[in-house]
Structure formats: structure tokens, C-alpha cells
Protein backbone atom coordinates (compact mmCIF):
# COMPACT_ATOMS: atom_id res chain seq x y z
CA MET A 1 0.00 0.00 0.00
CA ALA A 2 2.81 2.41 0.88
CA ASP A 3 4.52 1.65 -2.44
CA LEU A 4 1.35 2.58 -4.31
CA ILE A 5 1.09 5.89 -2.45
CA PHE A 6 4.74 6.72 -3.19
CA GLN A 7 4.29 5.80 -6.83
CA ILE A 8 1.24 8.09 -7.11
CA LEU A 9 3.17 10.91 -5.41
CA ASN A 10 6.09 10.42 -7.81
CA TYR A 11 3.81 10.67 -10.85
CA LEU A 12 2.07 13.71 -9.36
CA SER A 13 5.39 15.44 -8.71
CA LEU A 14 6.47 14.66 -12.28
CA VAL A 15 3.27 16.25 -13.63
CA VAL A 16 3.80 19.34 -11.44
CA LEU A 17 7.42 19.60 -12.62
CA ILE A 18 6.43 19.36 -16.29
CA ILE A 19 3.68 21.96 -15.84
CA THR A 20 6.07 24.30 -13.99
CA ILE A 21 8.70 24.05 -16.73
CA GLY A 22 6.03 24.45 -19.42
CA CYS A 23 4.64 27.58 -17.75
CA LYS A 24 8.12 29.13 -17.60
CA ILE A 25 8.66 28.50 -21.31
CA SER A 26 5.24 29.05 -22.86
CA PRO A 27 2.65 31.77 -22.12
CA ARG A 28 0.03 29.48 -23.63
CA CYS A 29 0.81 26.77 -21.08
CA LEU A 30 0.60 29.35 -18.28
CA TYR A 31 -2.80 30.53 -19.56
CA TYR A 32 -4.26 27.03 -19.78
CA THR A 33 -2.85 26.10 -16.38
CA LYS A 34 -4.54 29.13 -14.82
CA VAL A 35 -7.84 28.45 -16.61
CA THR A 36 -7.73 24.82 -15.48
CA THR A 37 -7.06 25.99 -11.91
CA ILE A 38 -10.11 28.27 -12.09
CA TYR A 39 -12.39 25.54 -13.38
CA ILE A 40 -11.17 22.97 -10.86
CA GLY A 41 -11.75 25.54 -8.09
CA LEU A 42 -15.26 26.28 -9.35
CA LEU A 43 -16.03 22.56 -9.59
CA TYR A 44 -14.76 22.02 -6.05
CA MET A 45 -16.78 24.99 -4.80
CA GLY A 46 -19.92 23.77 -6.56
CA ILE A 47 -19.72 20.30 -5.07
CA VAL A 48 -19.10 21.56 -1.53
CA LEU A 49 -21.75 24.31 -1.75
CA SER A 50 -24.35 21.90 -3.10
CA PHE A 51 -24.30 20.03 0.17
CA TYR A 52 -23.57 23.04 2.39
CA GLY A 53 -26.49 25.02 0.93
CA LEU A 54 -28.98 22.32 1.84
CA PHE A 55 -28.47 22.95 5.54
CA HIS A 56 -27.59 26.65 5.75
CA LYS A 57 -29.15 29.99 4.86
CA SER A 58 -28.25 31.78 1.63
CA TYR A 59 -26.05 34.45 3.24
CA GLN A 60 -24.06 31.74 5.03
CA THR A 61 -23.69 29.88 1.75
CA SER A 62 -22.40 33.07 0.08
CA ARG A 63 -19.81 33.51 2.80
CA MET A 64 -18.76 29.89 2.37
CA ALA A 65 -18.39 30.49 -1.39
CA LYS A 66 -15.99 33.35 -0.67
CA THR A 67 -14.08 31.17 1.78
CA LEU A 68 -13.72 28.43 -0.82
CA LEU A 69 -12.71 30.78 -3.67
CA ASP A 70 -10.22 32.90 -1.72
CA PRO A 71 -7.37 30.36 -2.07
CA ILE A 72 -7.94 30.20 -5.84
CA GLY A 73 -7.69 33.99 -6.14
CA LYS A 74 -4.57 34.08 -4.00
CA LEU A 75 -3.00 31.23 -5.94
CA LEU A 76 -3.61 33.12 -9.20
CA ASN A 77 -2.43 36.39 -7.58
CA ILE A 78 -5.62 38.35 -8.26
CA ASN A 79 -5.54 41.73 -6.50
CA TYR A 80 -7.67 44.83 -6.84
CA ARG A 81 -7.21 48.38 -5.70
CA VAL A 82 -10.49 50.10 -4.89
CA GLU A 83 -10.57 53.83 -5.54
CA GLY A 84 -13.22 56.14 -4.13
CA LYS A 85 -13.68 54.34 -0.82
CA GLU A 86 -14.83 57.61 0.72
CA LEU A 87 -17.93 57.52 -1.53
CA ILE A 88 -19.14 54.22 -0.07
CA ASP A 89 -21.68 54.46 2.73
CA ASN A 90 -21.48 51.66 5.32
CA ASN A 91 -25.23 51.87 5.93
CA LYS A 92 -26.21 51.08 2.35
CA ALA A 93 -26.13 47.87 0.37
CA TYR A 94 -24.35 47.82 -2.97
CA ILE A 95 -24.47 45.54 -5.97
CA VAL A 96 -21.29 44.67 -7.83
CA ILE A 97 -21.93 43.69 -11.43
CA ALA A 98 -19.70 41.62 -13.72
CA ASN A 99 -20.35 40.81 -17.35
CA HIS A 100 -19.47 37.10 -16.88
CA GLN A 101 -17.48 36.90 -20.07
CA HIS A 102 -15.17 34.45 -18.35
CA ALA A 103 -15.20 32.19 -15.30
CA LEU A 104 -12.52 34.47 -13.86
CA ASP A 105 -15.24 37.06 -13.08
CA ILE A 106 -16.59 34.94 -10.23
CA VAL A 107 -13.18 34.41 -8.65
CA SER A 108 -12.29 38.07 -9.20
CA LEU A 109 -15.41 39.41 -7.51
CA MET A 110 -14.65 37.31 -4.47
CA GLN A 111 -11.23 39.01 -4.20
CA VAL A 112 -12.54 42.58 -4.00
CA LYS A 113 -12.04 43.85 -0.47
CA ILE A 114 -12.75 47.35 0.66
CA LEU A 115 -10.71 48.12 3.74
CA ASN A 116 -10.71 51.03 6.18
CA LEU A 117 -14.37 51.95 5.85
């Protein structure tokens, strides 16, 4: 059993090494690696939230979605700088709209943080 685990880990490390070298050489490989990471993260989030949402309220499910997508955004190094923070009123609700031209919109919206309000 231990030999099987070590063999799987060896193959996995070989795949990671090949992907790392490919991403250093080719921008196309880097793009497809990032897109694959996004879709795997969304698949993971969807599976977990499907079960989590059955037993929790919608606002708790939304918070869990952010918790699950934060590592994906950090892994892909998605950062935003919010300008005009002084125009935001803490006592009002706001709607952030994305055009959903790519799956990256969902991960990106989860990375927007407005600090020092």
C-alpha cells in the first residue's frame, strides 16, 4: 500500500514539474494552467456548496463560497485596488456587477475587499 502511495506521489510530482517548466517556457501553457485551476476551483466549490447550501441559509452559503474561492484567487495572484472608498456608505447595500465573459469574473469578484471603511 505504501509503495502505491509513493508511486502516485512520484507521478504527481512529475506532472507538477512538467507543468512548472512548461509555464516558464510558454505563455500558452501558463494561460491554460490558470484556466484549469479556475475551473477545478469552481467545480470544487460547486460540489461543496451543493451540500452546504442544503443545511444553511443563503447568506451563510455566500460567505462559504468566498471562503472556498479565496485560495484560488490568492493562488492566481488576483488583487484589486479600490478607488473612491470615501464615496461608499457603510449603511447602504451595494451591488457589484460583472459581465461574466469568463469564469474568472466569479473568482475576481470574491477578491474585492474594501478596507478602512
